[in-house]
Amino acid sequence: MKTDELILVTGATGYIAGRLIPRLLERGYRVRCLARDPARLHGRSWLPQVEVVSGDLMLPETLNTSLNGVSKAYYLVHSMSSGRNYAERDLQAARNFGKAALAANLKQIIYLGGLADPETAIAPHLRSRILTGETLRSSGVPVTEFRAGVIIGSGSISFEMIRFMTEQFPLLIAPHWLRNRSQPIAIENVLDYLLAALHTPEARGGIFEIGGTQVISYGECLLAYARLRGLKRRLLTVPLAPVRLMAYMVDKLTSVPATIAQPLIEGLSGHSVVRDENARRVFPQVKLIDYQMAVRNTLGRLTPANIEPVWNESGQRLAVLKHEGFLIDHRQKWLAVAPQEVFRAITHYKSWDYRTYNVEAIEEGCLLRLYYRRKIPGEVWIEWQVNPQGEGASLTQTVFFAPRGVPGFLCWYLLSPFRDMLLASWIGRIMRRACRTNPSKKVLNR
């Protein structure tokens, strides 16, 4: 389907937007991305196909350009990572955007909020999500609001908390809140709803609670994940568990920072289930899948080819991080050598025993990804990329380790000194070989 309709996506550096934008492009929409720091989009595969505009929702004067010529917009931002005043920031951002959208004669704002019963006592971040929707509607622009709870998909904050905590703890000690009911929804179905809203007239002005086919407790989410991974896990609920302590543990053991983990954990204190089935009536084309299938689909896509390269955002030459189920070691060097010479050095490095590695992907002159075939408590990939950089080339080496259970994490952390020396030697030997092809050249930024 080809269309000249221009769609604005706010929160372009976020998880949902990163999955939504490629699907909009596949359907022929023109896409404009609004980002406070456009440099954070570097490395996204879809970046050359979109228009990027720098803007800050807290600065209304920066929004006019982003909305020029736009027919509909996705509002996919939140301010939880900004600290204690995130609720006030969320409302101010929504007011600013709503006012600018009205002035630009937008036909529709599509907003993804949180699933909770607003008539009961709910966590502050869920209250903030609901009030944000109300603020957008008060602008006078037609708003389609979807309210979702736990989203199952690689990179989803909720799912990454489930994944990393379940993988690392044979005994899961948690507050009694984990008995509360939830209705997890697959990321595929969230995107189905967001896309369907663009061409469903009945959706304009509506509030839709969305969830998967099952209502299960938060604790069962953890145990079901464990069963699908072949892990033996037990759940122990305790009367009191300090939220700050739990957020601290999540911060240290997962990819989710404490500033985001704390409000999310507080959100477990209430049920998060669909009470109004209107979404199924208005969007019958969305075929919902259950929790187990959503997890299986996510685990089945556990490969470096499917993850967002967030390590490019910082511009650091060395980054060790947790991301989308992986423990990652990323290194980058600059060489005053032609890119083709650098790539030749990679492919001719004699330490690669192809009985040990499978070549998973190769793009001549720019990318080589190997998969480690030996049996270990997890899966390992190593990837090199070469890109022109000024008069030379940039060389990146990234190791992706998807640990399985406690042995996998112990393997990564206990062998850290050895791993660091080995990976440094790999990239060092590649650089030296590349430079030997032209002795007059040199390695930069050692």
Protein backbone atom coordinates (compact mmCIF):
# COMPACT_ATOMS: atom_id res chain seq x y z
CA MET A 1 0.00 0.00 0.00
CA LYS A 2 1.50 3.30 -1.11
CA THR A 3 0.32 6.53 0.47
CA ASP A 4 1.46 10.12 0.65
CA GLU A 5 0.19 10.41 4.23
CA LEU A 6 2.85 11.77 6.57
CA ILE A 7 2.84 10.22 10.06
CA LEU A 8 4.71 11.72 13.02
CA VAL A 9 6.18 9.36 15.62
CA THR A 10 7.17 10.94 18.92
CA GLY A 11 9.45 9.12 21.32
CA ALA A 12 11.33 7.79 18.31
CA THR A 13 14.24 6.49 20.40
CA GLY A 14 11.92 4.37 22.54
CA TYR A 15 11.03 0.69 22.44
CA ILE A 16 7.53 0.86 20.92
CA ALA A 17 8.51 3.43 18.30
CA GLY A 18 11.51 1.35 17.24
CA ARG A 19 9.17 -1.54 16.42
CA LEU A 20 6.38 0.58 14.97
CA ILE A 21 8.38 2.66 12.49
CA PRO A 22 9.49 -0.27 10.26
CA ARG A 23 5.90 -1.50 10.04
CA LEU A 24 4.68 1.96 9.03
CA LEU A 25 7.32 2.06 6.30
CA GLU A 26 6.34 -1.42 5.09
CA ARG A 27 2.79 -0.14 4.63
CA GLY A 28 3.94 2.76 2.50
CA TYR A 29 3.55 5.63 4.97
CA ARG A 30 5.95 8.53 5.03
CA VAL A 31 7.37 8.79 8.53
CA ARG A 32 8.76 11.73 10.44
CA CYS A 33 10.48 11.04 13.76
CA LEU A 34 10.59 13.54 16.61
CA ALA A 35 13.58 13.07 18.90
CA ARG A 36 15.11 15.27 21.56
CA ASP A 37 18.53 13.90 20.62
CA PRO A 38 18.51 12.62 17.02
CA ALA A 39 22.04 11.23 17.46
CA ARG A 40 20.51 8.44 19.55
CA LEU A 41 18.89 7.06 16.40
CA HIS A 42 22.27 6.31 14.86
CA GLY A 43 22.55 2.71 13.72
CA ARG A 44 18.82 2.05 13.27
CA SER A 45 18.33 0.13 10.03
CA TRP A 46 15.29 2.22 9.09
CA LEU A 47 16.94 5.61 9.67
CA PRO A 48 17.70 6.38 5.99
CA GLN A 49 14.00 5.92 5.14
CA VAL A 50 12.58 8.46 7.61
CA GLU A 51 12.75 12.18 8.20
CA VAL A 52 14.17 13.12 11.60
CA VAL A 53 13.32 16.37 13.37
CA SER A 54 14.92 17.58 16.58
CA GLY A 55 12.38 18.71 19.16
CA ASP A 56 11.62 18.71 22.87
CA LEU A 57 8.06 18.33 24.13
CA MET A 58 8.98 20.53 27.10
CA LEU A 59 9.89 23.34 24.68
CA PRO A 60 6.74 24.22 22.68
CA GLU A 61 8.63 26.44 20.26
CA THR A 62 10.46 23.35 18.92
CA LEU A 63 7.27 21.50 17.91
CA ASN A 64 5.89 23.55 15.02
CA THR A 65 8.36 22.27 12.43
CA SER A 66 7.79 18.65 13.41
CA LEU A 67 4.02 18.95 12.82
CA ASN A 68 4.12 20.79 9.50
CA GLY A 69 2.30 18.68 6.89
CA VAL A 70 1.54 15.85 9.32
CA SER A 71 -1.92 14.23 9.21
CA LYS A 72 -1.71 11.91 12.24
CA ALA A 73 0.73 11.41 15.10
CA TYR A 74 1.73 8.71 17.55
CA TYR A 75 2.32 9.89 21.10
CA LEU A 76 4.76 7.34 22.58
CA VAL A 77 6.62 9.29 25.25
CA HIS A 78 6.90 9.14 29.02
CA SER A 79 9.19 10.80 31.54
CA MET A 80 9.72 8.07 34.16
CA SER A 81 13.49 8.11 33.71
CA SER A 82 13.60 11.82 34.64
CA GLY A 83 13.05 11.12 38.35
CA ARG A 84 10.54 12.21 40.97
CA ASN A 85 8.79 14.91 38.96
CA TYR A 86 8.04 12.68 36.00
CA ALA A 87 4.25 12.97 36.42
CA GLU A 88 4.33 16.76 36.15
CA ARG A 89 6.64 16.54 33.16
CA ASP A 90 4.32 14.04 31.45
CA LEU A 91 1.32 16.34 31.81
CA GLN A 92 3.20 19.44 30.67
CA ALA A 93 4.56 17.59 27.64
CA ALA A 94 1.05 16.41 26.74
CA ARG A 95 -0.34 19.94 27.07
CA ASN A 96 2.40 21.33 24.83
CA PHE A 97 1.93 18.66 22.20
CA GLY A 98 -1.86 18.89 22.24
CA LYS A 99 -1.77 22.65 21.74
CA ALA A 100 0.71 22.35 18.86
CA ALA A 101 -1.31 19.50 17.29
CA LEU A 102 -4.50 21.58 17.37
CA ALA A 103 -2.74 24.52 15.73
CA ALA A 104 -1.43 22.18 13.01
CA ASN A 105 -4.94 20.77 12.36
CA LEU A 106 -3.94 17.20 13.13
CA LYS A 107 -6.65 14.66 12.33
CA GLN A 108 -5.72 12.18 15.05
CA ILE A 109 -3.36 11.49 17.93
CA ILE A 110 -2.76 7.81 18.75
CA TYR A 111 -1.57 7.35 22.32
CA LEU A 112 -0.35 4.25 24.19
CA GLY A 113 -1.01 4.43 27.92
CA GLY A 114 -1.25 2.09 30.90
CA LEU A 115 -3.90 -0.48 31.81
CA ALA A 116 -5.52 0.09 35.20
CA ASP A 117 -8.88 0.91 36.75
CA PRO A 118 -8.83 4.70 37.30
CA GLU A 119 -11.66 4.41 39.84
CA THR A 120 -9.41 2.53 42.28
CA ALA A 121 -6.18 3.36 44.11
CA ILE A 122 -3.47 2.82 41.50
CA ALA A 123 0.27 3.43 41.31
CA PRO A 124 1.43 7.00 40.50
CA HIS A 125 2.91 6.08 37.14
CA LEU A 126 -0.35 4.44 36.01
CA ARG A 127 -2.31 7.47 37.20
CA SER A 128 0.11 9.62 35.22
CA ARG A 129 -0.49 7.54 32.07
CA ILE A 130 -4.27 7.95 32.39
CA LEU A 131 -4.03 11.68 33.09
CA THR A 132 -1.76 12.08 30.08
CA GLY A 133 -4.51 10.64 27.89
CA GLU A 134 -7.05 13.03 29.41
CA THR A 135 -4.70 15.96 28.80
CA LEU A 136 -4.25 15.04 25.14
CA ARG A 137 -8.03 14.77 24.69
CA SER A 138 -8.55 18.19 26.28
CA SER A 139 -6.61 19.73 23.36
CA GLY A 140 -9.60 19.22 21.06
CA VAL A 141 -7.72 16.91 18.67
CA PRO A 142 -9.36 13.45 18.27
CA VAL A 143 -7.36 10.97 20.36
CA THR A 144 -7.27 7.19 20.12
CA GLU A 145 -6.00 5.88 23.44
CA PHE A 146 -4.86 2.31 23.97
CA ARG A 147 -4.27 1.10 27.52
CA ALA A 148 -1.89 -1.84 27.82
CA GLY A 149 -0.33 -3.64 30.78
CA VAL A 150 2.65 -5.99 30.57
CA ILE A 151 3.98 -6.04 26.99
CA ILE A 152 5.76 -9.24 25.95
CA GLY A 153 8.58 -8.65 23.53
CA SER A 154 12.33 -8.37 23.45
CA GLY A 155 13.25 -4.90 24.69
CA SER A 156 10.01 -4.28 26.57
CA ILE A 157 10.90 -3.02 30.05
CA SER A 158 8.32 -5.29 31.70
CA PHE A 159 9.49 -8.35 29.78
CA GLU A 160 13.19 -7.66 30.38
CA MET A 161 12.48 -7.55 34.14
CA ILE A 162 10.71 -10.93 33.86
CA ARG A 163 13.50 -12.38 31.73
CA PHE A 164 16.58 -11.29 33.68
CA MET A 165 15.15 -11.90 37.16
CA THR A 166 13.82 -15.36 36.29
CA GLU A 167 17.05 -16.39 34.58
CA GLN A 168 19.20 -15.42 37.57
CA PHE A 169 17.20 -16.58 40.61
CA PRO A 170 16.18 -20.21 41.30
CA LEU A 171 14.08 -18.86 44.20
CA LEU A 172 12.06 -15.79 43.30
CA ILE A 173 11.34 -13.83 46.48
CA ALA A 174 8.71 -11.18 45.89
CA PRO A 175 5.92 -9.26 47.65
CA HIS A 176 2.38 -10.61 47.85
CA TRP A 177 1.55 -8.19 45.00
CA LEU A 178 2.73 -10.85 42.55
CA ARG A 179 -0.55 -12.63 43.20
CA ASN A 180 -2.39 -9.76 41.53
CA ARG A 181 -3.86 -10.42 38.11
CA SER A 182 -2.49 -9.16 34.81
CA GLN A 183 -3.35 -9.58 31.15
CA PRO A 184 -0.05 -9.57 29.21
CA ILE A 185 -0.14 -8.68 25.54
CA ALA A 186 2.36 -9.55 22.80
CA ILE A 187 4.24 -6.69 21.19
CA GLU A 188 2.94 -7.95 17.82
CA ASN A 189 -0.64 -7.35 18.96
CA VAL A 190 0.18 -3.91 20.40
CA LEU A 191 1.57 -2.91 17.01
CA ASP A 192 -1.47 -4.43 15.27
CA TYR A 193 -3.74 -2.15 17.29
CA LEU A 194 -1.58 0.95 16.79
CA LEU A 195 -1.52 0.43 13.02
CA ALA A 196 -5.22 -0.43 12.73
CA ALA A 197 -6.13 2.84 14.47
CA LEU A 198 -4.85 4.80 11.45
CA HIS A 199 -7.63 3.58 9.16
CA THR A 200 -10.46 2.75 11.58
CA PRO A 201 -12.83 5.75 11.78
CA GLU A 202 -14.59 4.30 14.83
CA ALA A 203 -11.31 4.43 16.75
CA ARG A 204 -11.12 8.23 16.74
CA GLY A 205 -11.96 9.59 20.15
CA GLY A 206 -12.07 6.13 21.75
CA ILE A 207 -10.36 4.60 24.78
CA PHE A 208 -9.48 0.94 24.31
CA GLU A 209 -8.18 -1.46 26.93
CA ILE A 210 -6.01 -4.08 25.27
CA GLY A 211 -4.64 -7.36 26.56
CA GLY A 212 -3.86 -10.88 25.44
CA THR A 213 -6.10 -13.93 25.69
CA GLN A 214 -5.15 -14.87 29.26
CA VAL A 215 -5.56 -13.35 32.71
CA ILE A 216 -2.74 -14.62 34.94
CA SER A 217 -0.93 -13.41 38.03
CA TYR A 218 2.34 -11.54 37.82
CA GLY A 219 3.96 -14.46 39.61
CA GLU A 220 2.67 -16.90 37.01
CA CYS A 221 4.26 -14.72 34.33
CA LEU A 222 7.64 -15.48 35.92
CA LEU A 223 7.00 -19.19 36.37
CA ALA A 224 5.59 -19.65 32.87
CA TYR A 225 8.67 -17.99 31.41
CA ALA A 226 10.86 -20.35 33.45
CA ARG A 227 9.01 -23.42 32.17
CA LEU A 228 9.42 -22.30 28.56
CA ARG A 229 13.16 -21.86 29.15
CA GLY A 230 13.48 -25.24 30.84
CA LEU A 231 14.40 -23.63 34.18
CA LYS A 232 13.27 -24.87 37.59
CA ARG A 233 12.03 -21.88 39.57
CA ARG A 234 10.05 -21.45 42.77
CA LEU A 235 8.12 -18.38 43.86
CA LEU A 236 8.13 -17.24 47.51
CA THR A 237 5.86 -14.32 48.40
CA VAL A 238 6.62 -12.35 51.55
CA PRO A 239 4.47 -9.81 53.41
CA LEU A 240 6.88 -6.92 53.08
CA ALA A 241 9.48 -6.18 50.43
CA PRO A 242 10.86 -2.62 50.23
CA VAL A 243 10.18 -1.19 46.80
CA ARG A 244 13.46 0.73 46.77
CA LEU A 245 15.42 -2.43 47.53
CA MET A 246 13.65 -4.30 44.76
CA ALA A 247 14.27 -1.43 42.33
CA TYR A 248 17.95 -1.46 43.33
CA MET A 249 18.19 -5.19 42.59
CA VAL A 250 16.45 -4.76 39.25
CA ASP A 251 18.87 -1.92 38.40
CA LYS A 252 21.92 -4.08 39.13
CA LEU A 253 20.69 -7.34 37.64
CA THR A 254 18.73 -6.27 34.57
CA SER A 255 18.83 -3.66 31.82
CA VAL A 256 16.17 -1.55 33.60
CA PRO A 257 17.42 1.47 35.63
CA ALA A 258 16.11 2.01 39.16
CA THR A 259 14.34 5.25 38.19
CA ILE A 260 12.08 3.25 35.88
CA ALA A 261 12.01 0.01 37.88
CA GLN A 262 10.60 1.64 41.03
CA PRO A 263 7.38 3.06 39.49
CA LEU A 264 6.86 -0.16 37.54
CA ILE A 265 7.21 -2.28 40.67
CA GLU A 266 4.78 0.02 42.46
CA GLY A 267 2.36 -0.70 39.62
CA LEU A 268 2.22 -4.37 40.67
CA SER A 269 0.19 -3.35 43.71
CA GLY A 270 -3.02 -3.43 41.64
CA HIS A 271 -4.69 -5.60 39.05
CA SER A 272 -4.07 -4.81 35.38
CA VAL A 273 -6.80 -6.50 33.37
CA VAL A 274 -9.16 -5.58 30.54
CA ARG A 275 -12.60 -4.64 31.87
CA ASP A 276 -14.04 -3.31 28.60
CA GLU A 277 -13.89 -5.59 25.53
CA ASN A 278 -14.60 -2.75 23.09
CA ALA A 279 -11.21 -3.16 21.42
CA ARG A 280 -12.12 -6.62 20.15
CA ARG A 281 -15.33 -5.28 18.61
CA VAL A 282 -13.75 -2.25 16.90
CA PHE A 283 -10.59 -4.09 15.77
CA PRO A 284 -11.71 -7.63 14.84
CA GLN A 285 -8.73 -7.96 12.48
CA VAL A 286 -6.32 -8.16 15.46
CA LYS A 287 -5.77 -11.85 16.21
CA LEU A 288 -4.63 -12.07 19.80
CA ILE A 289 -2.09 -14.64 20.96
CA ASP A 290 -1.64 -16.07 24.45
CA TYR A 291 1.19 -15.42 26.91
CA GLN A 292 3.07 -18.65 26.17
CA MET A 293 3.06 -18.04 22.42
CA ALA A 294 4.15 -14.45 22.93
CA VAL A 295 7.13 -15.62 25.00
CA ARG A 296 7.98 -18.38 22.51
CA ASN A 297 7.92 -15.87 19.66
CA THR A 298 10.22 -13.54 21.59
CA LEU A 299 12.69 -16.29 22.47
CA GLY A 300 12.61 -17.52 18.87
CA ARG A 301 13.88 -14.13 17.71
CA LEU A 302 16.83 -14.12 20.11
CA THR A 303 19.52 -13.15 17.62
CA PRO A 304 21.70 -10.04 17.19
CA ALA A 305 20.03 -9.36 13.84
CA ASN A 306 16.78 -8.44 15.62
CA ILE A 307 17.92 -6.03 18.33
CA GLU A 308 18.28 -2.26 18.38
CA PRO A 309 21.96 -1.16 18.49
CA VAL A 310 21.59 1.14 21.49
CA TRP A 311 25.33 0.99 22.17
CA ASN A 312 25.77 3.40 19.26
CA GLU A 313 23.86 6.09 21.17
CA SER A 314 26.67 6.90 23.61
CA GLY A 315 29.47 7.02 21.05
CA GLN A 316 31.73 5.19 23.52
CA ARG A 317 34.61 3.11 22.18
CA LEU A 318 33.99 0.45 24.84
CA ALA A 319 30.56 -0.51 26.18
CA VAL A 320 29.51 -3.49 28.31
CA LEU A 321 25.76 -3.66 28.78
CA LYS A 322 22.62 -5.76 29.19
CA HIS A 323 20.12 -5.40 26.37
CA GLU A 324 17.18 -7.41 25.00
CA GLY A 325 18.23 -10.66 26.67
CA PHE A 326 21.91 -10.27 25.83
CA LEU A 327 25.06 -9.48 27.75
CA ILE A 328 27.05 -7.41 25.28
CA ASP A 329 30.69 -6.39 24.91
CA HIS A 330 31.07 -3.69 22.25
CA ARG A 331 34.39 -2.21 21.12
CA GLN A 332 35.11 0.37 18.45
CA LYS A 333 38.35 1.55 16.85
CA TRP A 334 39.31 3.97 14.09
CA LEU A 335 42.03 3.11 11.58
CA ALA A 336 43.66 5.18 8.85
CA VAL A 337 43.24 2.19 6.52
CA ALA A 338 40.85 1.63 3.63
CA PRO A 339 37.66 -0.19 4.72
CA GLN A 340 38.24 -3.06 2.29
CA GLU A 341 41.65 -3.73 3.86
CA VAL A 342 40.12 -3.83 7.33
CA PHE A 343 37.43 -6.28 6.21
CA ARG A 344 40.04 -8.44 4.51
CA ALA A 345 41.94 -8.57 7.79
CA ILE A 346 38.80 -9.78 9.57
CA THR A 347 38.01 -12.58 7.14
CA HIS A 348 41.64 -13.75 6.99
CA TYR A 349 42.24 -13.79 10.73
CA LYS A 350 43.61 -17.34 11.21
CA SER A 351 42.14 -17.86 14.68
CA TRP A 352 38.64 -18.38 13.27
CA ASP A 353 38.08 -22.13 13.30
CA TYR A 354 35.00 -22.57 11.14
CA ARG A 355 34.42 -25.99 12.71
CA THR A 356 33.71 -24.03 15.91
CA TYR A 357 31.82 -21.12 14.35
CA ASN A 358 29.01 -20.90 11.85
CA VAL A 359 28.94 -17.91 9.54
CA GLU A 360 25.49 -16.50 10.29
CA ALA A 361 25.73 -13.33 8.21
CA ILE A 362 28.22 -11.77 5.85
CA GLU A 363 27.99 -8.59 3.80
CA GLU A 364 31.08 -8.24 1.67
CA GLY A 365 33.25 -5.35 2.80
CA CYS A 366 31.21 -4.35 5.84
CA LEU A 367 29.87 -7.13 8.11
CA LEU A 368 30.71 -10.60 9.40
CA ARG A 369 28.73 -12.36 12.15
CA LEU A 370 29.71 -15.75 13.55
CA TYR A 371 27.73 -18.08 15.81
CA TYR A 372 29.64 -20.18 18.36
CA ARG A 373 28.67 -23.83 17.95
CA ARG A 374 30.12 -25.37 21.12
CA LYS A 375 27.83 -26.36 23.99
CA ILE A 376 27.87 -23.76 26.77
CA PRO A 377 25.19 -22.38 29.17
CA GLY A 378 23.90 -19.90 26.62
CA GLU A 379 24.45 -18.77 23.05
CA VAL A 380 27.28 -16.64 21.68
CA TRP A 381 27.63 -14.51 18.57
CA ILE A 382 30.54 -12.29 17.55
CA GLU A 383 30.10 -9.57 14.96
CA TRP A 384 32.45 -7.18 13.18
CA GLN A 385 31.36 -4.18 11.17
CA VAL A 386 33.48 -1.90 9.02
CA ASN A 387 32.33 1.53 7.89
CA PRO A 388 34.12 4.35 6.03
CA GLN A 389 35.27 7.04 8.46
CA GLY A 390 36.95 10.11 7.03
CA GLU A 391 40.13 8.94 5.28
CA GLY A 392 40.01 5.56 6.98
CA ALA A 393 37.53 3.21 8.57
CA SER A 394 35.78 2.46 11.84
CA LEU A 395 35.98 -1.12 13.09
CA THR A 396 33.45 -2.40 15.61
CA GLN A 397 33.59 -5.74 17.38
CA THR A 398 30.50 -6.82 19.32
CA VAL A 399 30.05 -10.01 21.33
CA PHE A 400 26.48 -11.05 22.13
CA PHE A 401 25.95 -13.62 24.88
CA ALA A 402 22.44 -14.87 25.67
CA PRO A 403 22.92 -16.66 29.02
CA ARG A 404 20.73 -19.57 30.07
CA GLY A 405 20.01 -19.60 33.79
CA VAL A 406 22.45 -19.06 36.64
CA PRO A 407 25.35 -20.99 35.01
CA GLY A 408 25.23 -18.66 32.02
CA PHE A 409 25.49 -15.51 34.12
CA LEU A 410 28.26 -17.03 36.28
CA CYS A 411 30.15 -17.93 33.10
CA TRP A 412 29.99 -14.31 31.89
CA TYR A 413 30.91 -12.60 35.14
CA LEU A 414 33.46 -15.03 36.62
CA LEU A 415 35.39 -15.21 33.36
CA SER A 416 35.28 -11.42 32.91
CA PRO A 417 39.07 -10.81 33.19
CA PHE A 418 39.85 -13.61 30.73
CA ARG A 419 37.07 -12.48 28.40
CA ASP A 420 38.35 -8.92 28.40
CA MET A 421 41.90 -10.00 27.48
CA LEU A 422 40.65 -12.35 24.76
CA LEU A 423 38.37 -9.81 23.11
CA ALA A 424 41.01 -7.09 23.29
CA SER A 425 43.49 -9.43 21.61
CA TRP A 426 41.03 -10.26 18.82
CA ILE A 427 40.38 -6.69 17.77
CA GLY A 428 44.05 -5.82 18.30
CA ARG A 429 45.26 -8.55 15.95
CA ILE A 430 42.74 -7.53 13.29
CA MET A 431 43.96 -3.92 13.45
CA ARG A 432 47.61 -4.91 13.26
CA ARG A 433 46.97 -7.16 10.28
CA ALA A 434 45.01 -4.40 8.51
CA CYS A 435 47.81 -1.91 9.12
CA ARG A 436 50.47 -4.32 7.82
CA THR A 437 48.81 -4.13 4.41
CA ASN A 438 49.89 -0.47 4.29
CA PRO A 439 52.75 0.28 6.70
CA SER A 440 52.42 4.03 6.15
CA LYS A 441 49.03 4.00 7.85
CA LYS A 442 48.35 3.78 11.57
CA VAL A 443 45.70 2.95 14.13
CA LEU A 444 43.93 5.95 15.65
CA ASN A 445 42.38 6.27 19.12
CA ARG A 446 43.93 3.23 20.73
